Amino acid sequence: MVTYDPTLPDPRFVMMGETSLATWVLEPVGAARGEVVLCHGTPWSSRVWAQVARELSRDYRVFLWDMPGYGESDRDATVATDLRAQAERLVALLQLWGCGVRTWWRTTSAALWPSWRIFCTAPTSLICSCGTS
């Protein structure tokens, strides 16, 4: 009998400079129909996306990460957690994962837009949770 597990597996840690980032890649059993990148808002972690990620991973490659300062990534007080630093890290992760982004998301801050512009033509969907609104 196959049982459904809405939790995330153990993370794969990626070093960005001196900062350790918890990341996950969930893959479908067969060929992927595409890729989806899920980003949490503050003060949460990727765990808020666990059930959605598992559902999507039946058909898509799903990428998640815990932003530094949250979840299983570095939470040291010296780690920069401002929007610019987080956006730069995500851009680097997208490059590492070989992803680009074609789908924009609802956000409470336009500050990320310049960093994302280069990813608006590739076939990956990006979904972010940005606050409670």
C-alpha atoms as a PDB file:
ATOM      1  CA  MET A   1       0.000   0.000   0.000  1.00  0.00           C
ATOM      2  CA  VAL A   2       1.298   3.495  -0.924  1.00  0.00           C
ATOM      3  CA  THR A   3       0.778   6.107   1.757  1.00  0.00           C
ATOM      4  CA  TYR A   4       0.853   9.865   1.266  1.00  0.00           C
ATOM      5  CA  ASP A   5       3.526  11.834   3.169  1.00  0.00           C
ATOM      6  CA  PRO A   6       2.979  15.631   3.207  1.00  0.00           C
ATOM      7  CA  THR A   7       6.297  16.321   4.958  1.00  0.00           C
ATOM      8  CA  LEU A   8       9.518  17.337   3.272  1.00  0.00           C
ATOM      9  CA  PRO A   9      12.535  15.020   3.117  1.00  0.00           C
ATOM     10  CA  ASP A  10      15.803  15.999   4.782  1.00  0.00           C
ATOM     11  CA  PRO A  11      17.222  19.158   3.212  1.00  0.00           C
ATOM     12  CA  ARG A  12      20.317  19.422   1.072  1.00  0.00           C
ATOM     13  CA  PHE A  13      22.490  22.235   2.405  1.00  0.00           C
ATOM     14  CA  VAL A  14      24.086  24.671  -0.040  1.00  0.00           C
ATOM     15  CA  MET A  15      26.781  27.156   0.975  1.00  0.00           C
ATOM     16  CA  MET A  16      26.475  30.708  -0.346  1.00  0.00           C
ATOM     17  CA  GLY A  17      29.524  32.511   0.899  1.00  0.00           C
ATOM     18  CA  GLU A  18      29.541  31.903   4.637  1.00  0.00           C
ATOM     19  CA  THR A  19      25.809  31.153   4.771  1.00  0.00           C
ATOM     20  CA  SER A  20      24.281  27.662   4.784  1.00  0.00           C
ATOM     21  CA  LEU A  21      20.942  27.362   2.968  1.00  0.00           C
ATOM     22  CA  ALA A  22      18.522  24.466   3.423  1.00  0.00           C
ATOM     23  CA  THR A  23      17.163  23.426   0.010  1.00  0.00           C
ATOM     24  CA  TRP A  24      14.868  20.722  -1.344  1.00  0.00           C
ATOM     25  CA  VAL A  25      14.219  19.301  -4.793  1.00  0.00           C
ATOM     26  CA  LEU A  26      11.209  17.009  -5.124  1.00  0.00           C
ATOM     27  CA  GLU A  27      10.938  15.031  -8.355  1.00  0.00           C
ATOM     28  CA  PRO A  28       8.058  13.156  -9.952  1.00  0.00           C
ATOM     29  CA  VAL A  29       8.406   9.423 -10.559  1.00  0.00           C
ATOM     30  CA  GLY A  30       8.080   9.911 -14.335  1.00  0.00           C
ATOM     31  CA  ALA A  31       8.982  12.768 -16.637  1.00  0.00           C
ATOM     32  CA  ALA A  32       8.373  16.245 -15.195  1.00  0.00           C
ATOM     33  CA  ARG A  33       5.800  18.473 -16.895  1.00  0.00           C
ATOM     34  CA  GLY A  34       7.811  21.513 -15.800  1.00  0.00           C
ATOM     35  CA  GLU A  35       9.406  23.106 -12.770  1.00  0.00           C
ATOM     36  CA  VAL A  36       8.010  25.074  -9.843  1.00  0.00           C
ATOM     37  CA  VAL A  37       9.981  27.107  -7.291  1.00  0.00           C
ATOM     38  CA  LEU A  38       8.198  27.747  -3.984  1.00  0.00           C
ATOM     39  CA  CYS A  39       9.376  30.555  -1.680  1.00  0.00           C
ATOM     40  CA  HIS A  40       8.126  31.152   1.844  1.00  0.00           C
ATOM     41  CA  GLY A  41       7.331  34.520   3.395  1.00  0.00           C
ATOM     42  CA  THR A  42       8.371  35.787   6.807  1.00  0.00           C
ATOM     43  CA  PRO A  43       8.462  34.577   9.527  1.00  0.00           C
ATOM     44  CA  TRP A  44       7.822  31.103   8.075  1.00  0.00           C
ATOM     45  CA  SER A  45       9.873  28.370   6.430  1.00  0.00           C
ATOM     46  CA  SER A  46       9.496  26.013   3.484  1.00  0.00           C
ATOM     47  CA  ARG A  47       7.458  23.741   5.737  1.00  0.00           C
ATOM     48  CA  VAL A  48       4.412  25.934   4.951  1.00  0.00           C
ATOM     49  CA  TRP A  49       4.669  24.617   1.377  1.00  0.00           C
ATOM     50  CA  ALA A  50       5.199  20.926   2.289  1.00  0.00           C
ATOM     51  CA  GLN A  51       1.737  19.660   1.319  1.00  0.00           C
ATOM     52  CA  VAL A  52       1.580  21.806  -1.831  1.00  0.00           C
ATOM     53  CA  ALA A  53       5.119  20.726  -2.800  1.00  0.00           C
ATOM     54  CA  ARG A  54       4.264  17.037  -2.414  1.00  0.00           C
ATOM     55  CA  GLU A  55       1.122  17.438  -4.521  1.00  0.00           C
ATOM     56  CA  LEU A  56       2.956  19.367  -7.241  1.00  0.00           C
ATOM     57  CA  SER A  57       5.857  16.887  -7.249  1.00  0.00           C
ATOM     58  CA  ARG A  58       3.570  14.230  -8.659  1.00  0.00           C
ATOM     59  CA  ASP A  59       3.931  16.027 -12.019  1.00  0.00           C
ATOM     60  CA  TYR A  60       6.592  18.744 -11.598  1.00  0.00           C
ATOM     61  CA  ARG A  61      10.139  19.194 -10.316  1.00  0.00           C
ATOM     62  CA  VAL A  62       9.631  21.300  -7.199  1.00  0.00           C
ATOM     63  CA  PHE A  63      12.362  23.463  -5.652  1.00  0.00           C
ATOM     64  CA  LEU A  64      12.163  24.967  -2.149  1.00  0.00           C
ATOM     65  CA  TRP A  65      14.576  26.760   0.164  1.00  0.00           C
ATOM     66  CA  ASP A  66      14.608  28.245   3.632  1.00  0.00           C
ATOM     67  CA  MET A  67      15.739  31.839   3.517  1.00  0.00           C
ATOM     68  CA  PRO A  68      18.596  32.557   5.934  1.00  0.00           C
ATOM     69  CA  GLY A  69      17.160  33.603   9.259  1.00  0.00           C
ATOM     70  CA  TYR A  70      14.310  31.081   8.948  1.00  0.00           C
ATOM     71  CA  GLY A  71      13.674  27.343   9.035  1.00  0.00           C
ATOM     72  CA  GLU A  72      16.730  25.132   8.729  1.00  0.00           C
ATOM     73  CA  SER A  73      19.014  27.702   7.072  1.00  0.00           C
ATOM     74  CA  ASP A  74      21.559  29.719   9.051  1.00  0.00           C
ATOM     75  CA  ARG A  75      19.925  31.914  11.677  1.00  0.00           C
ATOM     76  CA  ASP A  76      23.037  33.617  13.012  1.00  0.00           C
ATOM     77  CA  ALA A  77      22.481  37.274  13.888  1.00  0.00           C
ATOM     78  CA  THR A  78      25.297  38.272  11.506  1.00  0.00           C
ATOM     79  CA  VAL A  79      23.525  36.813   8.437  1.00  0.00           C
ATOM     80  CA  ALA A  80      21.894  39.478   6.254  1.00  0.00           C
ATOM     81  CA  THR A  81      18.152  38.866   5.938  1.00  0.00           C
ATOM     82  CA  ASP A  82      17.076  42.022   4.099  1.00  0.00           C
ATOM     83  CA  LEU A  83      15.097  41.693   0.847  1.00  0.00           C
ATOM     84  CA  ARG A  84      18.061  42.481  -1.391  1.00  0.00           C
ATOM     85  CA  ALA A  85      20.259  39.796   0.237  1.00  0.00           C
ATOM     86  CA  GLN A  86      17.458  37.213   0.062  1.00  0.00           C
ATOM     87  CA  ALA A  87      16.706  38.075  -3.587  1.00  0.00           C
ATOM     88  CA  GLU A  88      20.384  37.764  -4.529  1.00  0.00           C
ATOM     89  CA  ARG A  89      20.546  34.357  -2.858  1.00  0.00           C
ATOM     90  CA  LEU A  90      17.443  33.152  -4.662  1.00  0.00           C
ATOM     91  CA  VAL A  91      18.808  34.347  -8.001  1.00  0.00           C
ATOM     92  CA  ALA A  92      21.996  32.359  -7.281  1.00  0.00           C
ATOM     93  CA  LEU A  93      19.950  29.276  -6.303  1.00  0.00           C
ATOM     94  CA  LEU A  94      17.880  29.514  -9.477  1.00  0.00           C
ATOM     95  CA  GLN A  95      21.098  29.572 -11.477  1.00  0.00           C
ATOM     96  CA  LEU A  96      22.483  26.617  -9.490  1.00  0.00           C
ATOM     97  CA  TRP A  97      19.272  24.668 -10.074  1.00  0.00           C
ATOM     98  CA  GLY A  98      19.265  25.606 -13.772  1.00  0.00           C
ATOM     99  CA  CYS A  99      15.924  27.377 -13.413  1.00  0.00           C
ATOM    100  CA  GLY A 100      14.545  30.520 -14.928  1.00  0.00           C
ATOM    101  CA  VAL A 101      11.218  32.081 -14.072  1.00  0.00           C
ATOM    102  CA  ARG A 102       8.336  33.029 -16.348  1.00  0.00           C
ATOM    103  CA  THR A 103       5.535  33.470 -13.791  1.00  0.00           C
ATOM    104  CA  TRP A 104       5.448  36.549 -11.574  1.00  0.00           C
ATOM    105  CA  TRP A 105       3.926  36.408  -8.112  1.00  0.00           C
ATOM    106  CA  ARG A 106       1.967  38.618  -5.736  1.00  0.00           C
ATOM    107  CA  THR A 107       4.290  40.399  -3.336  1.00  0.00           C
ATOM    108  CA  THR A 108       4.082  43.148  -0.746  1.00  0.00           C
ATOM    109  CA  SER A 109       7.362  44.644  -1.952  1.00  0.00           C
ATOM    110  CA  ALA A 110       8.446  45.755  -5.408  1.00  0.00           C
ATOM    111  CA  ALA A 111      12.057  45.729  -4.174  1.00  0.00           C
ATOM    112  CA  LEU A 112      12.671  42.272  -5.667  1.00  0.00           C
ATOM    113  CA  TRP A 113      11.670  43.153  -9.234  1.00  0.00           C
ATOM    114  CA  PRO A 114      15.109  44.253 -10.572  1.00  0.00           C
ATOM    115  CA  SER A 115      16.715  40.996  -9.428  1.00  0.00           C
ATOM    116  CA  TRP A 116      14.044  38.850 -11.081  1.00  0.00           C
ATOM    117  CA  ARG A 117      13.820  40.519 -14.479  1.00  0.00           C
ATOM    118  CA  ILE A 118      16.473  38.216 -15.970  1.00  0.00           C
ATOM    119  CA  PHE A 119      14.337  35.162 -15.230  1.00  0.00           C
ATOM    120  CA  CYS A 120      11.127  36.165 -16.967  1.00  0.00           C
ATOM    121  CA  THR A 121      11.599  34.142 -20.154  1.00  0.00           C
ATOM    122  CA  ALA A 122      12.391  30.613 -18.978  1.00  0.00           C
ATOM    123  CA  PRO A 123       9.833  27.802 -18.490  1.00  0.00           C
ATOM    124  CA  THR A 124       9.812  27.637 -14.692  1.00  0.00           C
ATOM    125  CA  SER A 125       7.012  28.900 -12.458  1.00  0.00           C
ATOM    126  CA  LEU A 126       7.900  30.823  -9.291  1.00  0.00           C
ATOM    127  CA  ILE A 127       5.383  31.047  -6.482  1.00  0.00           C
ATOM    128  CA  CYS A 128       6.149  33.108  -3.399  1.00  0.00           C
ATOM    129  CA  SER A 129       4.303  33.607  -0.164  1.00  0.00           C
ATOM    130  CA  CYS A 130       4.979  37.197   0.840  1.00  0.00           C
ATOM    131  CA  GLY A 131       3.206  38.178   4.015  1.00  0.00           C
ATOM    132  CA  THR A 132      -0.365  37.566   5.064  1.00  0.00           C
ATOM    133  CA  SER A 133      -2.249  39.834   2.648  1.00  0.00           C
END
